């Protein structure tokens, strides 16, 4: 029997859960809008991809561990500890004095965030009957939709009229209200379930991906691509990643079960989600930088332009349910991938003097494509397995998307860093004596050094535009690859519930 949860008011607890979920739901978009200003204040443009990577990496590795700890010790204490860690990371991020400390504190935030989404979803299952859950999950989904829309706008507002540090401080009152409500209204009677936690797999995952990210971000900047540090970091990371999959095959309760990649349809769906993760983080992290650093728009405008993608995503996601029932999962996913290809082609045309309105349209189209693709893929994998494996395939699909975002921001970061490094090493002869030395070129474009000659600013603007153009071309390439991967999905996929004689869906 599952854990029994007793509450004084289920709706008050639901509100507390929605507040808690809002902490992580707003995080990526609100921070992305503030990143150019953070870089201008703290410096270290070449390091800023780590602000996203470390958060996603620690979150991905810790998520399955929290799920098992919640079975051992109860949902409430694990959720509250995770939220407290997230709030501590938020407070420390707000007082960061350089980019390295911000990266460390963002890693702490990710450790806390890993507990929030899965446990809030699980608690809704504990609190409400089967008939009520769909509606309640809809409330949780609305948090993501609303946060995706208002997050960039709030981030732009704080940066424009207060301080970027408030994008982290805003979490404190929201989190405090949620924790008080949870402590007062939620009680549970815990029936513990024994688990073997895959600490070894989680550690290997963090170290291997961390090494690969380090090699990608520092290669061509702090050392040459063919230098021994590149071979040590990237090669060592690949070897440890291979060891991770070996360990997962032997683990009793692995972080990432390898059987989810053994079927063609599951493999294609998970690779499609990997691509969606790469696409999402590429635009979320660099689109605001393009708007503020290249087009010199104010943070509030950049926030609203990013919000266009956030608006398109939930709208398309809501519509996808009707669409995949009519044309099938594969065709819906392909349609979404095609829309992202069109949007990627549009982004690849943006330059030094492009229109913000046009860029916002491409942002909205990207959200539509990602909404169609992500929803159809996750519902597809859920429909193909019995009830007792649905959580595993859902978690694995979400995990591959997180992994895609983690690796994607590193790849895109390496493209931008390489472009900026080349620009500073090989400037025009007329600018050799005018360009400051030992500085990140992007910090100049973002206005951290005033009163520079106009020729220098134009050159740096062009260098930053070239670097981010590489990101946009990369977005187009990944969108095209995602389309090709989803083309491998079987044309006729029959959900398990519709397969003749199948009784697994009922849990038998």
Protein backbone atom coordinates (compact mmCIF):
# COMPACT_ATOMS: atom_id res chain seq x y z
CA UNK A 1 0.00 0.00 0.00
CA UNK A 2 1.25 3.48 -0.84
CA UNK A 3 2.08 6.11 1.76
CA UNK A 4 -1.05 7.53 3.37
CA UNK A 5 -1.14 11.29 3.56
CA UNK A 6 -3.46 13.10 5.97
CA UNK A 7 -4.08 16.80 5.56
CA UNK A 8 -6.22 19.48 7.17
CA UNK A 9 -6.94 21.06 3.80
CA UNK A 10 -5.86 19.39 0.61
CA UNK A 11 -6.28 22.54 -1.44
CA UNK A 12 -4.02 24.54 0.89
CA UNK A 13 -1.37 21.85 0.51
CA UNK A 14 -1.88 21.94 -3.27
CA UNK A 15 -1.27 25.70 -3.21
CA UNK A 16 1.90 25.09 -1.18
CA UNK A 17 3.04 22.50 -3.71
CA UNK A 18 2.36 24.91 -6.58
CA UNK A 19 4.41 27.61 -4.82
CA UNK A 20 7.25 25.15 -4.29
CA UNK A 21 7.14 24.03 -7.91
CA UNK A 22 7.20 27.66 -9.07
CA UNK A 23 10.71 27.98 -7.60
CA UNK A 24 12.19 25.61 -10.17
CA UNK A 25 9.71 26.41 -12.94
CA UNK A 26 10.79 30.05 -13.15
CA UNK A 27 14.47 29.46 -12.57
CA UNK A 28 15.88 28.88 -16.05
CA UNK A 29 14.00 31.66 -17.86
CA UNK A 30 14.39 34.28 -15.15
CA UNK A 31 18.14 33.62 -14.84
CA UNK A 32 18.63 33.54 -18.63
CA UNK A 33 17.21 37.06 -18.94
CA UNK A 34 19.57 38.33 -16.26
CA UNK A 35 22.74 36.61 -17.52
CA UNK A 36 24.04 39.49 -19.69
CA UNK A 37 23.79 41.88 -16.76
CA UNK A 38 25.37 39.32 -14.41
CA UNK A 39 28.29 38.97 -16.81
CA UNK A 40 28.62 42.75 -17.05
CA UNK A 41 28.79 42.93 -13.24
CA UNK A 42 30.83 39.84 -12.36
CA UNK A 43 32.83 39.30 -15.57
CA UNK A 44 33.77 35.87 -16.87
CA UNK A 45 31.65 35.59 -20.02
CA UNK A 46 33.44 32.38 -21.03
CA UNK A 47 32.29 30.77 -17.78
CA UNK A 48 28.62 31.72 -17.94
CA UNK A 49 27.47 28.44 -19.61
CA UNK A 50 28.47 26.78 -16.35
CA UNK A 51 25.72 28.77 -14.60
CA UNK A 52 23.23 26.58 -16.48
CA UNK A 53 25.31 23.41 -16.86
CA UNK A 54 26.12 22.88 -13.19
CA UNK A 55 22.49 23.43 -12.18
CA UNK A 56 21.19 20.93 -14.75
CA UNK A 57 23.93 18.40 -14.04
CA UNK A 58 23.44 18.23 -10.27
CA UNK A 59 19.66 18.20 -10.75
CA UNK A 60 19.77 15.30 -13.22
CA UNK A 61 22.06 13.20 -11.04
CA UNK A 62 20.17 13.80 -7.78
CA UNK A 63 16.57 13.39 -9.02
CA UNK A 64 16.40 9.56 -8.80
CA UNK A 65 18.13 9.58 -5.41
CA UNK A 66 15.52 11.91 -3.92
CA UNK A 67 12.73 9.69 -5.26
CA UNK A 68 14.08 6.72 -3.34
CA UNK A 69 14.80 8.76 -0.20
CA UNK A 70 11.16 9.89 -0.28
CA UNK A 71 10.08 6.25 -0.16
CA UNK A 72 12.40 5.63 2.78
CA UNK A 73 11.71 8.68 4.92
CA UNK A 74 8.49 10.17 3.56
CA UNK A 75 7.68 12.81 0.96
CA UNK A 76 7.35 15.76 3.36
CA UNK A 77 10.81 15.78 5.00
CA UNK A 78 12.65 15.10 1.73
CA UNK A 79 10.71 17.79 -0.14
CA UNK A 80 11.30 20.32 2.64
CA UNK A 81 15.03 19.52 2.81
CA UNK A 82 15.28 19.87 -0.99
CA UNK A 83 13.44 23.21 -0.90
CA UNK A 84 15.66 24.46 1.93
CA UNK A 85 18.80 23.53 -0.05
CA UNK A 86 17.39 25.33 -3.09
CA UNK A 87 16.63 28.44 -1.03
CA UNK A 88 20.11 28.37 0.53
CA UNK A 89 21.60 28.14 -2.96
CA UNK A 90 19.37 31.04 -4.07
CA UNK A 91 20.44 33.26 -1.18
CA UNK A 92 24.12 32.51 -1.76
CA UNK A 93 23.76 33.03 -5.53
CA UNK A 94 22.35 36.47 -4.80
CA UNK A 95 25.48 37.47 -2.87
CA UNK A 96 27.96 35.98 -5.37
CA UNK A 97 31.06 38.13 -5.77
CA UNK A 98 32.43 36.53 -8.95
CA UNK A 99 31.40 34.02 -11.61
CA UNK A 100 33.10 31.06 -9.90
CA UNK A 101 31.15 31.53 -6.67
CA UNK A 102 27.92 31.92 -8.63
CA UNK A 103 28.60 28.63 -10.41
CA UNK A 104 29.23 26.84 -7.10
CA UNK A 105 26.04 28.21 -5.55
CA UNK A 106 24.04 27.33 -8.68
CA UNK A 107 25.22 23.75 -8.25
CA UNK A 108 23.79 23.86 -4.74
CA UNK A 109 20.52 25.16 -6.16
CA UNK A 110 20.41 22.21 -8.58
CA UNK A 111 20.89 19.73 -5.75
CA UNK A 112 17.83 21.18 -4.03
CA UNK A 113 15.77 21.54 -7.23
CA UNK A 114 16.12 17.81 -7.91
CA UNK A 115 13.75 17.06 -5.02
CA UNK A 116 11.01 19.51 -5.94
CA UNK A 117 9.45 18.44 -9.24
CA UNK A 118 9.26 14.64 -8.73
CA UNK A 119 8.10 14.80 -5.11
CA UNK A 120 5.43 17.44 -5.69
CA UNK A 121 4.06 15.27 -8.50
CA UNK A 122 4.16 12.20 -6.25
CA UNK A 123 2.38 14.02 -3.43
CA UNK A 124 -0.48 14.92 -5.75
CA UNK A 125 -0.82 11.20 -6.45
CA UNK A 126 -0.89 10.53 -2.70
CA UNK A 127 -3.37 13.28 -1.88
CA UNK A 128 -5.99 12.85 -4.58
CA UNK A 129 -8.01 9.98 -5.99
CA UNK A 130 -7.45 8.59 -9.46
CA UNK A 131 -10.43 10.57 -10.78
CA UNK A 132 -9.08 13.83 -9.29
CA UNK A 133 -5.44 13.49 -10.34
CA UNK A 134 -5.77 14.64 -13.93
CA UNK A 135 -7.27 17.94 -12.81
CA UNK A 136 -4.68 18.39 -10.06
CA UNK A 137 -1.79 17.62 -12.43
CA UNK A 138 -3.30 20.27 -14.67
CA UNK A 139 -2.87 22.78 -11.84
CA UNK A 140 0.80 21.81 -11.56
CA UNK A 141 1.22 22.06 -15.33
CA UNK A 142 -0.27 25.55 -15.22
CA UNK A 143 2.56 26.58 -12.89
CA UNK A 144 5.06 25.74 -15.62
CA UNK A 145 3.07 27.56 -18.26
CA UNK A 146 2.58 30.68 -16.14
CA UNK A 147 6.18 30.67 -14.92
CA UNK A 148 7.47 30.33 -18.46
CA UNK A 149 5.53 33.45 -19.42
CA UNK A 150 6.16 35.68 -16.42
CA UNK A 151 9.68 34.45 -15.57
CA UNK A 152 11.47 36.30 -18.38
CA UNK A 153 9.39 39.42 -17.76
CA UNK A 154 10.16 39.38 -14.02
CA UNK A 155 13.84 38.82 -14.74
CA UNK A 156 13.88 41.73 -17.16
CA UNK A 157 12.02 43.95 -14.67
CA UNK A 158 14.44 43.23 -11.81
CA UNK A 159 17.49 43.78 -14.00
CA UNK A 160 16.05 46.99 -15.45
CA UNK A 161 14.74 48.62 -12.29
CA UNK A 162 16.43 46.91 -9.32
CA UNK A 163 19.34 44.44 -9.38
CA UNK A 164 20.04 41.07 -11.01
CA UNK A 165 20.52 39.69 -7.50
CA UNK A 166 16.75 39.84 -7.02
CA UNK A 167 16.22 37.07 -9.57
CA UNK A 168 17.59 34.84 -6.81
CA UNK A 169 16.24 36.69 -3.77
CA UNK A 170 12.66 36.48 -5.10
CA UNK A 171 12.77 32.75 -4.32
CA UNK A 172 13.11 33.38 -0.58
CA UNK A 173 9.65 34.77 0.28
CA UNK A 174 7.93 32.32 -2.11
CA UNK A 175 9.83 29.39 -0.66
CA UNK A 176 9.24 30.51 2.92
CA UNK A 177 5.48 30.69 2.33
CA UNK A 178 5.49 27.23 0.76
CA UNK A 179 7.51 25.68 3.58
CA UNK A 180 5.27 27.18 6.27
CA UNK A 181 2.15 25.89 4.52
CA UNK A 182 3.65 22.42 4.09
CA UNK A 183 4.77 22.22 7.72
CA UNK A 184 1.39 23.33 9.05
CA UNK A 185 -1.07 21.54 6.78
CA UNK A 186 0.68 18.39 5.55
CA UNK A 187 1.18 15.32 7.72
CA UNK A 188 1.87 11.82 6.53
CA UNK A 189 1.91 8.28 7.82
CA UNK A 190 4.91 6.68 6.18
CA UNK A 191 5.14 3.07 5.12
CA UNK A 192 8.77 2.72 4.18
CA UNK A 193 9.93 0.94 1.03
CA UNK A 194 13.40 -0.56 0.91
CA UNK A 195 15.61 0.67 -1.94
CA UNK A 196 19.19 0.32 -3.07
CA UNK A 197 20.31 3.81 -4.04
CA UNK A 198 22.66 3.98 -7.01
CA UNK A 199 25.23 6.37 -5.54
CA UNK A 200 27.98 4.97 -7.77
CA UNK A 201 26.02 5.60 -10.96
CA UNK A 202 25.12 9.13 -9.88
CA UNK A 203 28.74 9.95 -9.01
CA UNK A 204 30.00 8.58 -12.34
CA UNK A 205 27.37 10.61 -14.18
CA UNK A 206 28.35 13.88 -12.48
CA UNK A 207 32.09 13.37 -12.96
CA UNK A 208 31.89 12.14 -16.57
CA UNK A 209 29.57 14.87 -17.83
CA UNK A 210 31.45 17.46 -15.76
CA UNK A 211 34.74 16.51 -17.44
CA UNK A 212 33.18 16.65 -20.91
CA UNK A 213 31.65 20.07 -20.19
CA UNK A 214 35.00 21.36 -18.91
CA UNK A 215 36.77 20.18 -22.04
CA UNK A 216 34.17 21.70 -24.34
CA UNK A 217 34.12 25.08 -22.61
CA UNK A 218 37.86 25.48 -22.07
CA UNK A 219 39.12 23.88 -25.29
CA UNK A 220 40.22 26.50 -27.79
CA UNK A 221 40.11 29.18 -25.08
CA UNK A 222 42.38 28.34 -22.14
CA UNK A 223 44.16 25.58 -24.04
CA UNK A 224 44.34 24.26 -27.61
CA UNK A 225 41.83 21.66 -28.78
CA UNK A 226 44.63 19.16 -29.43
CA UNK A 227 46.47 19.86 -26.16
CA UNK A 228 46.70 17.23 -23.44
CA UNK A 229 44.09 18.93 -21.18
CA UNK A 230 41.47 18.46 -23.91
CA UNK A 231 42.31 14.80 -24.32
CA UNK A 232 42.33 14.35 -20.53
CA UNK A 233 38.99 16.04 -19.86
CA UNK A 234 36.93 15.02 -22.89
CA UNK A 235 38.56 11.60 -23.32
CA UNK A 236 38.37 10.87 -19.59
CA UNK A 237 34.74 11.97 -19.53
CA UNK A 238 33.83 9.67 -22.43
CA UNK A 239 35.58 6.71 -20.77
CA UNK A 240 33.78 7.34 -17.46
CA UNK A 241 30.48 7.75 -19.32
CA UNK A 242 31.02 4.32 -20.86
CA UNK A 243 31.78 2.96 -17.39
CA UNK A 244 28.55 4.57 -16.17
CA UNK A 245 26.51 2.49 -18.64
CA UNK A 246 28.38 -0.65 -17.57
CA UNK A 247 27.57 0.08 -13.93
CA UNK A 248 23.93 0.79 -14.81
CA UNK A 249 23.58 -2.65 -16.40
CA UNK A 250 24.61 -4.28 -13.12
CA UNK A 251 22.88 -1.95 -10.66
CA UNK A 252 19.75 -3.30 -8.96
CA UNK A 253 18.01 0.09 -9.14
CA UNK A 254 19.96 2.13 -11.74
CA UNK A 255 19.76 5.87 -12.28
CA UNK A 256 19.16 5.22 -15.98
CA UNK A 257 17.90 1.70 -16.83
CA UNK A 258 19.56 0.59 -20.07
CA UNK A 259 16.51 -1.40 -21.24
CA UNK A 260 14.76 1.85 -22.16
CA UNK A 261 17.17 2.12 -25.09
CA UNK A 262 16.70 -1.47 -26.26
CA UNK A 263 13.53 -0.85 -28.29
CA UNK A 264 13.59 1.20 -31.48
CA UNK A 265 10.61 3.33 -30.55
CA UNK A 266 11.89 4.11 -27.03
CA UNK A 267 15.37 4.85 -28.33
CA UNK A 268 14.08 7.22 -31.02
CA UNK A 269 11.75 8.96 -28.55
CA UNK A 270 14.54 9.42 -25.99
CA UNK A 271 16.97 10.71 -28.62
CA UNK A 272 14.23 13.09 -29.77
CA UNK A 273 13.91 14.38 -26.20
CA UNK A 274 17.70 14.74 -26.04
CA UNK A 275 17.47 17.01 -29.09
CA UNK A 276 14.65 19.00 -27.51
CA UNK A 277 16.83 19.58 -24.45
CA UNK A 278 19.71 20.83 -26.62
CA UNK A 279 17.39 23.17 -28.54
CA UNK A 280 15.73 24.55 -25.42
CA UNK A 281 18.91 25.44 -23.59
CA UNK A 282 20.57 26.93 -26.68
CA UNK A 283 17.89 29.55 -27.12
CA UNK A 284 17.13 30.05 -23.42
CA UNK A 285 20.76 30.82 -22.63
CA UNK A 286 21.91 32.78 -25.70
CA UNK A 287 18.82 34.45 -27.16
CA UNK A 288 18.64 37.09 -24.36
CA UNK A 289 22.39 37.65 -24.72
CA UNK A 290 21.94 38.25 -28.45
CA UNK A 291 19.14 40.75 -27.84
CA UNK A 292 21.03 42.66 -25.15
CA UNK A 293 24.62 42.29 -26.34
CA UNK A 294 24.18 42.51 -30.13
CA UNK A 295 20.91 44.42 -30.66
CA UNK A 296 21.44 46.45 -27.44
CA UNK A 297 17.88 46.03 -26.22
CA UNK A 298 16.96 46.61 -22.58
CA UNK A 299 16.56 43.48 -20.38
CA UNK A 300 12.77 43.91 -20.23
CA UNK A 301 12.50 43.65 -24.02
CA UNK A 302 14.76 40.60 -24.00
CA UNK A 303 12.57 39.02 -21.35
CA UNK A 304 9.39 39.49 -23.37
CA UNK A 305 11.08 38.16 -26.54
CA UNK A 306 12.12 34.99 -24.69
CA UNK A 307 8.62 34.75 -23.22
CA UNK A 308 7.30 34.37 -26.78
CA UNK A 309 8.86 30.89 -26.87
CA UNK A 310 7.38 30.17 -23.46
CA UNK A 311 3.92 31.15 -24.70
CA UNK A 312 4.14 28.99 -27.82
CA UNK A 313 5.21 25.89 -25.89
CA UNK A 314 2.18 25.42 -23.56
CA UNK A 315 -0.27 26.43 -26.31
CA UNK A 316 1.11 23.79 -28.67
CA UNK A 317 1.38 21.27 -25.86
CA UNK A 318 -2.30 21.69 -25.03
CA UNK A 319 -3.26 21.32 -28.70
CA UNK A 320 -1.03 18.27 -29.26
CA UNK A 321 -3.46 15.97 -27.44
CA UNK A 322 -6.09 16.43 -30.13
CA UNK A 323 -3.48 16.28 -32.84
CA UNK A 324 -1.80 12.98 -31.97
CA UNK A 325 -5.19 11.30 -31.56
CA UNK A 326 -5.98 12.37 -35.13
CA UNK A 327 -2.67 11.99 -36.99
CA UNK A 328 -0.63 9.80 -34.60
CA UNK A 329 2.33 10.31 -32.27
CA UNK A 330 4.97 10.07 -34.99
CA UNK A 331 3.39 12.63 -37.30
CA UNK A 332 2.79 15.05 -34.42
CA UNK A 333 6.42 14.78 -33.32
CA UNK A 334 7.59 15.23 -36.91
CA UNK A 335 5.39 18.29 -37.33
CA UNK A 336 6.89 19.79 -34.18
CA UNK A 337 10.43 19.05 -35.40
CA UNK A 338 9.63 20.59 -38.79
CA UNK A 339 8.40 23.79 -37.13
CA UNK A 340 11.63 23.99 -35.11
CA UNK A 341 13.63 23.54 -38.33
CA UNK A 342 11.75 26.48 -39.87
CA UNK A 343 12.35 28.56 -36.74
CA UNK A 344 16.03 27.53 -36.67
CA UNK A 345 16.40 28.62 -40.28
CA UNK A 346 14.92 31.97 -39.28
CA UNK A 347 17.30 32.35 -36.33
CA UNK A 348 20.25 31.61 -38.61
CA UNK A 349 19.41 34.76 -40.63
CA UNK A 350 19.58 37.10 -37.62
CA UNK A 351 22.51 39.50 -37.45
CA UNK A 352 23.71 42.88 -36.24
CA UNK A 353 20.68 44.86 -37.39
CA UNK A 354 17.79 42.39 -37.23
CA UNK A 355 14.31 43.19 -36.01
CA UNK A 356 13.35 42.30 -32.45
CA UNK A 357 9.80 41.59 -33.61
CA UNK A 358 11.06 39.11 -36.21
CA UNK A 359 13.31 37.43 -33.64
CA UNK A 360 10.30 37.13 -31.30
CA UNK A 361 8.28 35.42 -34.03
CA UNK A 362 11.05 32.84 -34.47
CA UNK A 363 11.07 32.42 -30.68
CA UNK A 364 7.32 31.76 -30.66
CA UNK A 365 7.62 29.24 -33.52
CA UNK A 366 10.36 27.42 -31.64
CA UNK A 367 8.07 27.12 -28.62
CA UNK A 368 5.29 25.73 -30.82
CA UNK A 369 7.60 23.11 -32.31
CA UNK A 370 9.02 22.07 -28.95
CA UNK A 371 5.56 21.90 -27.38
CA UNK A 372 4.26 19.58 -30.10
CA UNK A 373 7.35 17.39 -29.98
CA UNK A 374 7.91 17.07 -26.24
CA UNK A 375 4.32 16.24 -25.35
CA UNK A 376 3.79 13.69 -28.11
CA UNK A 377 7.05 11.90 -27.28
CA UNK A 378 6.44 11.58 -23.57
CA UNK A 379 2.83 10.41 -24.03
CA UNK A 380 4.07 7.96 -26.67
CA UNK A 381 6.56 6.24 -24.37
CA UNK A 382 4.02 6.15 -21.53
CA UNK A 383 1.48 4.44 -23.79
CA UNK A 384 3.83 1.63 -24.82
CA UNK A 385 4.61 0.10 -21.43
CA UNK A 386 2.56 -1.41 -18.60
CA UNK A 387 1.63 0.60 -15.53
CA UNK A 388 4.54 -0.66 -13.43
CA UNK A 389 7.08 0.65 -15.98
CA UNK A 390 5.43 3.94 -16.83
CA UNK A 391 7.32 5.89 -14.17
CA UNK A 392 10.63 4.48 -15.40
CA UNK A 393 10.12 5.43 -19.06
CA UNK A 394 8.76 8.87 -18.08
CA UNK A 395 11.74 9.53 -15.83
CA UNK A 396 14.20 8.31 -18.45
CA UNK A 397 12.63 10.52 -21.12
CA UNK A 398 12.84 13.57 -18.85
CA UNK A 399 16.38 12.57 -17.86
CA UNK A 400 17.57 12.50 -21.48
CA UNK A 401 16.07 15.95 -22.02
CA UNK A 402 17.97 17.27 -18.99
CA UNK A 403 21.12 15.59 -20.24
CA UNK A 404 20.63 17.23 -23.63
CA UNK A 405 20.34 20.64 -21.98
CA UNK A 406 23.44 19.99 -19.86
CA UNK A 407 25.59 19.01 -22.83
CA UNK A 408 23.96 21.50 -25.19
CA UNK A 409 24.85 24.58 -23.20
CA UNK A 410 28.47 23.39 -23.11
CA UNK A 411 28.60 22.81 -26.88
CA UNK A 412 27.02 26.18 -27.62
CA UNK A 413 29.31 27.82 -25.09
CA UNK A 414 32.35 26.37 -26.81
CA UNK A 415 31.17 27.79 -30.15
CA UNK A 416 30.74 31.29 -28.74
CA UNK A 417 33.95 31.20 -26.71
CA UNK A 418 35.96 30.03 -29.72
CA UNK A 419 34.60 32.88 -31.85
CA UNK A 420 35.40 35.50 -29.22
CA UNK A 421 38.86 34.07 -28.52
CA UNK A 422 39.70 34.15 -32.24
CA UNK A 423 38.45 37.74 -32.53
CA UNK A 424 40.70 38.92 -29.72
CA UNK A 425 43.74 37.02 -30.96
CA UNK A 426 43.45 38.25 -34.54
CA UNK A 427 42.03 41.80 -34.54
CA UNK A 428 42.49 44.22 -37.48
CA UNK A 429 45.80 46.04 -37.44
CA UNK A 430 44.01 49.33 -36.78
CA UNK A 431 42.56 47.99 -33.53
CA UNK A 432 45.52 46.07 -32.11
CA UNK A 433 46.54 48.89 -29.80
CA UNK A 434 42.97 49.95 -28.99
CA UNK A 435 41.58 46.63 -27.81
CA UNK A 436 42.04 45.99 -24.09
CA UNK A 437 44.05 42.88 -23.31
CA UNK A 438 43.15 39.94 -21.04
CA UNK A 439 39.45 40.74 -21.08
CA UNK A 440 36.42 38.83 -22.27
CA UNK A 441 35.32 40.41 -25.53
CA UNK A 442 31.69 39.93 -24.62
CA UNK A 443 32.06 42.05 -21.50
CA UNK A 444 32.84 44.96 -23.79
CA UNK A 445 29.74 44.40 -25.89
CA UNK A 446 27.63 44.22 -22.76
CA UNK A 447 28.85 47.61 -21.64
CA UNK A 448 30.98 46.80 -18.62
CA UNK A 449 33.79 49.09 -19.85
CA UNK A 450 32.59 52.61 -20.70
CA UNK A 451 34.06 55.20 -23.09
CA UNK A 452 35.63 52.78 -25.53
CA UNK A 453 36.23 53.95 -29.13
CA UNK A 454 33.29 53.35 -31.45
CA UNK A 455 35.43 51.19 -33.75
CA UNK A 456 36.26 48.88 -30.85
CA UNK A 457 32.61 48.53 -29.87
CA UNK A 458 31.58 47.78 -33.47
CA UNK A 459 34.28 45.13 -33.74
CA UNK A 460 33.29 43.46 -30.48
CA UNK A 461 29.60 43.62 -31.41
CA UNK A 462 30.42 41.86 -34.67
CA UNK A 463 32.48 39.21 -32.84
CA UNK A 464 29.68 38.50 -30.37
CA UNK A 465 27.16 38.41 -33.21
CA UNK A 466 29.37 35.91 -35.06
CA UNK A 467 29.63 33.71 -31.96
CA UNK A 468 25.89 33.68 -31.31
CA UNK A 469 25.23 33.18 -35.03
CA UNK A 470 27.12 29.91 -34.62
CA UNK A 471 24.69 29.00 -31.84
CA UNK A 472 21.72 29.76 -34.10
CA UNK A 473 23.21 27.64 -36.89
CA UNK A 474 23.75 24.92 -34.30
CA UNK A 475 20.09 25.18 -33.31
CA UNK A 476 19.12 24.67 -36.95
CA UNK A 477 21.44 21.64 -37.23
CA UNK A 478 20.10 20.03 -34.05
CA UNK A 479 16.50 20.67 -35.16
CA UNK A 480 17.24 18.92 -38.46
CA UNK A 481 18.89 15.98 -36.68
CA UNK A 482 15.93 15.73 -34.31
CA UNK A 483 13.60 15.58 -37.31
CA UNK A 484 15.68 12.74 -38.79
CA UNK A 485 15.72 10.85 -35.49
CA UNK A 486 11.95 11.13 -35.12
CA UNK A 487 11.55 9.92 -38.70
CA UNK A 488 12.88 6.60 -37.37
CA UNK A 489 9.80 6.20 -35.17
CA UNK A 490 7.52 3.40 -36.45
CA UNK A 491 4.75 4.71 -38.67
CA UNK A 492 2.08 2.71 -36.87
CA UNK A 493 2.46 2.70 -33.10
CA UNK A 494 -0.30 0.96 -31.16
CA UNK A 495 -0.68 1.97 -27.49
CA UNK A 496 -0.56 -0.94 -25.06
CA UNK A 497 -4.16 -0.34 -23.98
CA UNK A 498 -5.32 -0.93 -27.56
CA UNK A 499 -3.31 -4.08 -28.14
CA UNK A 500 -5.54 -7.14 -28.34
CA UNK A 501 -5.53 -9.26 -25.24
CA UNK A 502 -3.31 -6.91 -23.25
CA UNK A 503 -4.15 -6.76 -19.58
CA UNK A 504 -0.97 -5.10 -18.46
CA UNK A 505 -2.36 -1.61 -18.58
CA UNK A 506 -4.56 -2.38 -15.63
CA UNK A 507 -1.48 -3.40 -13.68
CA UNK A 508 -2.08 -7.14 -13.82
